[in-house]
Amino acid sequence: MKIDFYGMIPSYLYKNCTSIFFKDVSLLSRGDLPSEKRSCLGRSCFQITSPVIAI
């Protein structure tokens, strides 16, 4: 699977494309939001300030 990212290039007047290729598509279909993930470093700033998500 391939995901393309289009955007401006620094110092140029035209857009460019960067592509990311995935061998394992299951990484894309897990459905977890980054704000719902647990880290060994503790809670993120979003998790601390968001009243909706409780960990």
PDB file of N, CA and C in Angstrom:
ATOM      1  N   MET A   1       0.848  -1.170   0.000  1.00  0.00           N
ATOM      2  CA  MET A   1       0.000   0.000   0.000  1.00  0.00           C
ATOM      3  C   MET A   1       0.891   1.229   0.000  1.00  0.00           C
ATOM      4  N   LYS A   2       0.442   2.270  -0.642  1.00  0.00           N
ATOM      5  CA  LYS A   2       1.214   3.500  -0.766  1.00  0.00           C
ATOM      6  C   LYS A   2       0.352   4.683  -0.342  1.00  0.00           C
ATOM      7  N   ILE A   3       0.933   5.587   0.434  1.00  0.00           N
ATOM      8  CA  ILE A   3       0.275   6.841   0.811  1.00  0.00           C
ATOM      9  C   ILE A   3       1.138   7.976   0.293  1.00  0.00           C
ATOM     10  N   ASP A   4       0.524   8.902  -0.460  1.00  0.00           N
ATOM     11  CA  ASP A   4       1.234  10.041  -1.023  1.00  0.00           C
ATOM     12  C   ASP A   4       0.956  11.296  -0.211  1.00  0.00           C
ATOM     13  N   PHE A   5       1.988  12.088  -0.012  1.00  0.00           N
ATOM     14  CA  PHE A   5       1.891  13.383   0.659  1.00  0.00           C
ATOM     15  C   PHE A   5       2.370  14.446  -0.319  1.00  0.00           C
ATOM     16  N   TYR A   6       1.490  15.373  -0.687  1.00  0.00           N
ATOM     17  CA  TYR A   6       1.829  16.440  -1.619  1.00  0.00           C
ATOM     18  C   TYR A   6       1.998  17.740  -0.849  1.00  0.00           C
ATOM     19  N   GLY A   7       2.971  18.531  -1.274  1.00  0.00           N
ATOM     20  CA  GLY A   7       3.169  19.812  -0.620  1.00  0.00           C
ATOM     21  C   GLY A   7       4.274  20.612  -1.271  1.00  0.00           C
ATOM     22  N   MET A   8       4.436  21.811  -0.779  1.00  0.00           N
ATOM     23  CA  MET A   8       5.443  22.724  -1.313  1.00  0.00           C
ATOM     24  C   MET A   8       6.835  22.301  -0.874  1.00  0.00           C
ATOM     25  N   ILE A   9       7.811  22.579  -1.705  1.00  0.00           N
ATOM     26  CA  ILE A   9       9.214  22.302  -1.413  1.00  0.00           C
ATOM     27  C   ILE A   9       9.854  23.613  -0.977  1.00  0.00           C
ATOM     28  N   PRO A  10      10.665  23.609   0.083  1.00  0.00           N
ATOM     29  CA  PRO A  10      11.345  24.848   0.476  1.00  0.00           C
ATOM     30  C   PRO A  10      12.208  25.383  -0.667  1.00  0.00           C
ATOM     31  N   SER A  11      12.138  26.662  -0.911  1.00  0.00           N
ATOM     32  CA  SER A  11      12.941  27.385  -1.910  1.00  0.00           C
ATOM     33  C   SER A  11      12.489  27.153  -3.346  1.00  0.00           C
ATOM     34  N   TYR A  12      11.364  26.469  -3.572  1.00  0.00           N
ATOM     35  CA  TYR A  12      10.872  26.241  -4.930  1.00  0.00           C
ATOM     36  C   TYR A  12       9.428  26.718  -5.036  1.00  0.00           C
ATOM     37  N   LEU A  13       8.966  26.931  -6.264  1.00  0.00           N
ATOM     38  CA  LEU A  13       7.613  27.435  -6.482  1.00  0.00           C
ATOM     39  C   LEU A  13       6.642  26.346  -6.931  1.00  0.00           C
ATOM     40  N   TYR A  14       6.999  25.093  -6.789  1.00  0.00           N
ATOM     41  CA  TYR A  14       6.118  24.017  -7.209  1.00  0.00           C
ATOM     42  C   TYR A  14       6.008  22.955  -6.116  1.00  0.00           C
ATOM     43  N   LYS A  15       4.984  22.116  -6.264  1.00  0.00           N
ATOM     44  CA  LYS A  15       4.738  21.063  -5.284  1.00  0.00           C
ATOM     45  C   LYS A  15       5.526  19.810  -5.620  1.00  0.00           C
ATOM     46  N   ASN A  16       5.742  18.995  -4.608  1.00  0.00           N
ATOM     47  CA  ASN A  16       6.427  17.728  -4.771  1.00  0.00           C
ATOM     48  C   ASN A  16       5.609  16.653  -4.061  1.00  0.00           C
ATOM     49  N   CYS A  17       5.926  15.405  -4.329  1.00  0.00           N
ATOM     50  CA  CYS A  17       5.222  14.296  -3.705  1.00  0.00           C
ATOM     51  C   CYS A  17       6.221  13.404  -2.981  1.00  0.00           C
ATOM     52  N   THR A  18       5.895  13.067  -1.739  1.00  0.00           N
ATOM     53  CA  THR A  18       6.650  12.080  -0.974  1.00  0.00           C
ATOM     54  C   THR A  18       5.720  10.906  -0.722  1.00  0.00           C
ATOM     55  N   SER A  19       6.200   9.713  -0.985  1.00  0.00           N
ATOM     56  CA  SER A  19       5.374   8.516  -0.823  1.00  0.00           C
ATOM     57  C   SER A  19       5.934   7.627   0.272  1.00  0.00           C
ATOM     58  N   ILE A  20       5.038   6.999   1.018  1.00  0.00           N
ATOM     59  CA  ILE A  20       5.415   6.015   2.027  1.00  0.00           C
ATOM     60  C   ILE A  20       4.775   4.697   1.612  1.00  0.00           C
ATOM     61  N   PHE A  21       5.587   3.653   1.538  1.00  0.00           N
ATOM     62  CA  PHE A  21       5.119   2.330   1.147  1.00  0.00           C
ATOM     63  C   PHE A  21       5.067   1.426   2.371  1.00  0.00           C
ATOM     64  N   PHE A  22       3.979   0.666   2.504  1.00  0.00           N
ATOM     65  CA  PHE A  22       3.795  -0.230   3.635  1.00  0.00           C
ATOM     66  C   PHE A  22       3.774  -1.671   3.148  1.00  0.00           C
ATOM     67  N   LYS A  23       4.593  -2.517   3.751  1.00  0.00           N
ATOM     68  CA  LYS A  23       4.527  -3.947   3.474  1.00  0.00           C
ATOM     69  C   LYS A  23       3.400  -4.584   4.273  1.00  0.00           C
ATOM     70  N   ASP A  24       3.271  -4.149   5.530  1.00  0.00           N
ATOM     71  CA  ASP A  24       2.267  -4.700   6.430  1.00  0.00           C
ATOM     72  C   ASP A  24       1.112  -3.706   6.551  1.00  0.00           C
ATOM     73  N   VAL A  25       0.004  -3.983   5.895  1.00  0.00           N
ATOM     74  CA  VAL A  25      -1.147  -3.074   5.873  1.00  0.00           C
ATOM     75  C   VAL A  25      -1.874  -3.050   7.212  1.00  0.00           C
ATOM     76  N   SER A  26      -1.639  -4.017   8.079  1.00  0.00           N
ATOM     77  CA  SER A  26      -2.339  -4.055   9.366  1.00  0.00           C
ATOM     78  C   SER A  26      -1.990  -2.850  10.233  1.00  0.00           C
ATOM     79  N   LEU A  27      -0.859  -2.209   9.993  1.00  0.00           N
ATOM     80  CA  LEU A  27      -0.512  -0.998  10.733  1.00  0.00           C
ATOM     81  C   LEU A  27      -1.510   0.128  10.478  1.00  0.00           C
ATOM     82  N   LEU A  28      -2.110   0.123   9.310  1.00  0.00           N
ATOM     83  CA  LEU A  28      -3.048   1.182   8.936  1.00  0.00           C
ATOM     84  C   LEU A  28      -4.475   0.887   9.360  1.00  0.00           C
ATOM     85  N   SER A  29      -4.788  -0.343   9.658  1.00  0.00           N
ATOM     86  CA  SER A  29      -6.174  -0.708   9.945  1.00  0.00           C
ATOM     87  C   SER A  29      -6.457  -0.954  11.418  1.00  0.00           C
ATOM     88  N   ARG A  30      -5.529  -0.604  12.296  1.00  0.00           N
ATOM     89  CA  ARG A  30      -5.756  -0.855  13.727  1.00  0.00           C
ATOM     90  C   ARG A  30      -6.846   0.027  14.300  1.00  0.00           C
ATOM     91  N   GLY A  31      -7.006   1.242  13.796  1.00  0.00           N
ATOM     92  CA  GLY A  31      -8.080   2.104  14.242  1.00  0.00           C
ATOM     93  C   GLY A  31      -7.791   2.878  15.513  1.00  0.00           C
ATOM     94  N   ASP A  32      -6.641   2.695  16.130  1.00  0.00           N
ATOM     95  CA  ASP A  32      -6.326   3.440  17.340  1.00  0.00           C
ATOM     96  C   ASP A  32      -5.941   4.873  16.989  1.00  0.00           C
ATOM     97  N   LEU A  33      -6.433   5.804  17.755  1.00  0.00           N
ATOM     98  CA  LEU A  33      -6.016   7.190  17.594  1.00  0.00           C
ATOM     99  C   LEU A  33      -4.727   7.411  18.375  1.00  0.00           C
ATOM    100  N   PRO A  34      -3.874   8.312  17.906  1.00  0.00           N
ATOM    101  CA  PRO A  34      -2.651   8.586  18.662  1.00  0.00           C
ATOM    102  C   PRO A  34      -2.918   9.027  20.100  1.00  0.00           C
ATOM    103  N   SER A  35      -4.038   9.716  20.320  1.00  0.00           N
ATOM    104  CA  SER A  35      -4.364  10.172  21.667  1.00  0.00           C
ATOM    105  C   SER A  35      -4.789   9.034  22.589  1.00  0.00           C
ATOM    106  N   GLU A  36      -5.100   7.863  22.034  1.00  0.00           N
ATOM    107  CA  GLU A  36      -5.533   6.724  22.845  1.00  0.00           C
ATOM    108  C   GLU A  36      -4.399   5.761  23.176  1.00  0.00           C
ATOM    109  N   LYS A  37      -3.236   5.982  22.615  1.00  0.00           N
ATOM    110  CA  LYS A  37      -2.108   5.082  22.852  1.00  0.00           C
ATOM    111  C   LYS A  37      -1.459   5.361  24.196  1.00  0.00           C
ATOM    112  N   ARG A  38      -0.914   4.330  24.803  1.00  0.00           N
ATOM    113  CA  ARG A  38      -0.208   4.465  26.077  1.00  0.00           C
ATOM    114  C   ARG A  38       1.281   4.454  25.811  1.00  0.00           C
ATOM    115  N   SER A  39       2.002   5.256  26.526  1.00  0.00           N
ATOM    116  CA  SER A  39       3.443   5.362  26.330  1.00  0.00           C
ATOM    117  C   SER A  39       4.162   5.021  27.625  1.00  0.00           C
ATOM    118  N   CYS A  40       5.380   4.493  27.497  1.00  0.00           N
ATOM    119  CA  CYS A  40       6.181   4.220  28.691  1.00  0.00           C
ATOM    120  C   CYS A  40       6.692   5.515  29.318  1.00  0.00           C
ATOM    121  N   LEU A  41       6.549   6.639  28.598  1.00  0.00           N
ATOM    122  CA  LEU A  41       6.997   7.934  29.110  1.00  0.00           C
ATOM    123  C   LEU A  41       5.918   8.662  29.891  1.00  0.00           C
ATOM    124  N   GLY A  42       4.717   8.126  29.913  1.00  0.00           N
ATOM    125  CA  GLY A  42       3.619   8.782  30.617  1.00  0.00           C
ATOM    126  C   GLY A  42       2.610   9.360  29.645  1.00  0.00           C
ATOM    127  N   ARG A  43       1.700  10.164  30.151  1.00  0.00           N
ATOM    128  CA  ARG A  43       0.648  10.732  29.330  1.00  0.00           C
ATOM    129  C   ARG A  43       1.173  11.889  28.487  1.00  0.00           C
ATOM    130  N   SER A  44       0.547  12.091  27.325  1.00  0.00           N
ATOM    131  CA  SER A  44       0.904  13.212  26.458  1.00  0.00           C
ATOM    132  C   SER A  44       0.202  14.474  26.936  1.00  0.00           C
ATOM    133  N   CYS A  45       0.591  15.607  26.380  1.00  0.00           N
ATOM    134  CA  CYS A  45      -0.049  16.881  26.737  1.00  0.00           C
ATOM    135  C   CYS A  45      -1.530  16.842  26.396  1.00  0.00           C
ATOM    136  N   PHE A  46      -1.885  16.233  25.266  1.00  0.00           N
ATOM    137  CA  PHE A  46      -3.297  16.147  24.888  1.00  0.00           C
ATOM    138  C   PHE A  46      -4.081  15.304  25.881  1.00  0.00           C
ATOM    139  N   GLN A  47      -3.513  14.192  26.319  1.00  0.00           N
ATOM    140  CA  GLN A  47      -4.212  13.322  27.261  1.00  0.00           C
ATOM    141  C   GLN A  47      -4.379  13.997  28.614  1.00  0.00           C
ATOM    142  N   ILE A  48      -3.446  14.823  29.008  1.00  0.00           N
ATOM    143  CA  ILE A  48      -3.539  15.518  30.298  1.00  0.00           C
ATOM    144  C   ILE A  48      -4.598  16.612  30.254  1.00  0.00           C
ATOM    145  N   THR A  49      -4.656  17.362  29.130  1.00  0.00           N
ATOM    146  CA  THR A  49      -5.559  18.511  29.058  1.00  0.00           C
ATOM    147  C   THR A  49      -6.939  18.177  28.534  1.00  0.00           C
ATOM    148  N   SER A  50      -7.142  16.989  27.965  1.00  0.00           N
ATOM    149  CA  SER A  50      -8.443  16.643  27.417  1.00  0.00           C
ATOM    150  C   SER A  50      -9.352  16.078  28.502  1.00  0.00           C
ATOM    151  N   PRO A  51     -10.505  16.705  28.722  1.00  0.00           N
ATOM    152  CA  PRO A  51     -11.423  16.200  29.749  1.00  0.00           C
ATOM    153  C   PRO A  51     -12.201  14.960  29.285  1.00  0.00           C
ATOM    154  N   VAL A  52     -12.182  14.649  27.986  1.00  0.00           N
ATOM    155  CA  VAL A  52     -12.984  13.564  27.440  1.00  0.00           C
ATOM    156  C   VAL A  52     -12.321  12.213  27.637  1.00  0.00           C
ATOM    157  N   ILE A  53     -11.030  12.136  27.451  1.00  0.00           N
ATOM    158  CA  ILE A  53     -10.313  10.856  27.503  1.00  0.00           C
ATOM    159  C   ILE A  53      -9.721  10.645  28.894  1.00  0.00           C
ATOM    160  N   ALA A  54     -10.140   9.588  29.536  1.00  0.00           N
ATOM    161  CA  ALA A  54      -9.599   9.263  30.863  1.00  0.00           C
ATOM    162  C   ALA A  54      -8.730   8.020  30.746  1.00  0.00           C
ATOM    163  N   ILE A  55      -7.577   8.064  31.348  1.00  0.00           N
ATOM    164  CA  ILE A  55      -6.656   6.918  31.287  1.00  0.00           C
ATOM    165  C   ILE A  55      -6.553   6.285  32.654  1.00  0.00           C
TER     166      ILE A  55
END
